[in-house]
């Protein structure tokens, strides 16, 4: 099974930020096991 999901993350100011909860909220419909390739485009 192959799926592609596109979504945007909230904008943040400078520094490091935990984005795991935002990503997981979009992946709830995926199987419990498998391989996930995640591409995060930096737009500065």
N, C-alpha and C. Protein backbone atom coordinates (compact mmCIF):
# COMPACT_ATOMS: atom_id res chain seq x y z
N UNK A 1 0.85 -1.17 0.00
CA UNK A 1 0.00 0.00 0.00
C UNK A 1 0.90 1.24 0.00
N UNK A 2 0.64 2.16 -0.89
CA UNK A 2 1.39 3.42 -0.98
C UNK A 2 0.40 4.57 -0.80
N UNK A 3 0.77 5.51 0.07
CA UNK A 3 -0.06 6.70 0.28
C UNK A 3 0.82 7.93 0.29
N UNK A 4 0.26 9.03 -0.16
CA UNK A 4 0.97 10.30 -0.11
C UNK A 4 0.04 11.33 0.52
N UNK A 5 0.54 12.00 1.54
CA UNK A 5 -0.24 13.01 2.24
C UNK A 5 0.57 14.30 2.25
N UNK A 6 -0.08 15.41 1.93
CA UNK A 6 0.59 16.71 1.97
C UNK A 6 -0.15 17.61 2.95
N UNK A 7 0.60 18.26 3.83
CA UNK A 7 0.01 19.17 4.79
C UNK A 7 1.03 20.23 5.17
N UNK A 8 0.57 21.29 5.80
CA UNK A 8 1.45 22.39 6.23
C UNK A 8 1.52 22.41 7.75
N UNK A 9 2.69 22.78 8.24
CA UNK A 9 2.89 22.93 9.68
C UNK A 9 2.71 24.39 10.06
N UNK A 10 2.43 24.63 11.33
CA UNK A 10 2.32 26.00 11.82
C UNK A 10 3.65 26.71 11.69
N UNK A 11 3.60 28.01 11.51
CA UNK A 11 4.83 28.80 11.43
C UNK A 11 5.35 29.07 12.84
N UNK A 12 6.66 29.03 12.97
CA UNK A 12 7.31 29.30 14.25
C UNK A 12 8.36 30.39 14.07
N UNK A 13 8.70 31.02 15.16
CA UNK A 13 9.80 31.98 15.16
C UNK A 13 11.10 31.18 15.21
N UNK A 14 12.17 31.82 15.48
CA UNK A 14 13.49 31.20 15.50
C UNK A 14 13.58 30.12 16.57
N UNK A 15 14.49 29.16 16.37
CA UNK A 15 14.77 28.15 17.39
C UNK A 15 14.34 26.77 16.95
N UNK A 16 14.39 25.84 17.90
CA UNK A 16 14.00 24.46 17.66
C UNK A 16 12.60 24.23 18.21
N UNK A 17 11.80 23.43 17.51
CA UNK A 17 10.42 23.20 17.93
C UNK A 17 10.07 21.74 17.72
N UNK A 18 9.33 21.18 18.66
CA UNK A 18 8.86 19.80 18.53
C UNK A 18 7.62 19.80 17.64
N UNK A 19 7.71 19.07 16.53
CA UNK A 19 6.59 19.04 15.57
C UNK A 19 5.96 17.65 15.49
N UNK A 20 6.43 16.72 16.32
CA UNK A 20 5.91 15.35 16.27
C UNK A 20 4.40 15.29 16.44
N UNK A 21 3.79 15.97 17.42
CA UNK A 21 2.33 15.89 17.56
C UNK A 21 1.58 16.36 16.31
N UNK A 22 2.08 17.41 15.66
CA UNK A 22 1.41 17.90 14.44
C UNK A 22 1.49 16.87 13.32
N UNK A 23 2.65 16.23 13.19
CA UNK A 23 2.82 15.22 12.14
C UNK A 23 1.93 14.01 12.43
N UNK A 24 1.93 13.53 13.67
CA UNK A 24 1.13 12.36 14.02
C UNK A 24 -0.36 12.61 13.83
N UNK A 25 -0.81 13.84 14.02
CA UNK A 25 -2.24 14.13 13.85
C UNK A 25 -2.68 13.93 12.40
N UNK A 26 -1.77 14.04 11.45
CA UNK A 26 -2.10 13.84 10.04
C UNK A 26 -1.89 12.39 9.60
N UNK A 27 -1.24 11.57 10.42
CA UNK A 27 -0.91 10.21 10.02
C UNK A 27 -1.76 9.16 10.73
N UNK A 28 -2.82 9.55 11.39
CA UNK A 28 -3.62 8.60 12.16
C UNK A 28 -4.27 7.53 11.29
N UNK A 29 -4.46 7.77 10.02
CA UNK A 29 -5.13 6.81 9.16
C UNK A 29 -4.17 5.78 8.56
N UNK A 30 -2.88 5.87 8.86
CA UNK A 30 -1.91 4.92 8.33
C UNK A 30 -1.85 3.66 9.18
N UNK A 31 -1.35 2.55 8.63
CA UNK A 31 -1.23 1.31 9.39
C UNK A 31 -0.29 1.48 10.59
N UNK A 32 -0.43 0.60 11.57
CA UNK A 32 0.39 0.69 12.78
C UNK A 32 1.85 0.35 12.49
N UNK A 33 2.11 -0.53 11.53
CA UNK A 33 3.48 -0.89 11.19
C UNK A 33 3.75 -0.58 9.73
N UNK A 34 5.01 -0.32 9.42
CA UNK A 34 5.38 -0.03 8.04
C UNK A 34 6.56 0.92 7.99
N UNK A 35 6.78 1.51 6.85
CA UNK A 35 7.89 2.43 6.62
C UNK A 35 7.32 3.80 6.27
N UNK A 36 7.86 4.83 6.92
CA UNK A 36 7.41 6.20 6.67
C UNK A 36 8.59 7.02 6.17
N UNK A 37 8.43 7.62 5.01
CA UNK A 37 9.41 8.59 4.49
C UNK A 37 8.78 9.96 4.65
N UNK A 38 9.47 10.84 5.35
CA UNK A 38 8.95 12.16 5.64
C UNK A 38 9.89 13.21 5.04
N UNK A 39 9.35 14.07 4.17
CA UNK A 39 10.14 15.14 3.56
C UNK A 39 9.61 16.46 4.09
N UNK A 40 10.48 17.23 4.72
CA UNK A 40 10.10 18.53 5.26
C UNK A 40 10.81 19.60 4.45
N UNK A 41 10.04 20.37 3.72
CA UNK A 41 10.59 21.42 2.86
C UNK A 41 10.83 22.69 3.68
N UNK A 42 12.04 23.18 3.67
CA UNK A 42 12.40 24.41 4.38
C UNK A 42 12.19 25.57 3.42
N UNK A 43 11.42 26.56 3.83
CA UNK A 43 11.00 27.60 2.88
C UNK A 43 11.56 28.98 3.19
N UNK A 44 12.70 29.06 3.85
CA UNK A 44 13.23 30.40 4.17
C UNK A 44 13.92 31.02 2.97
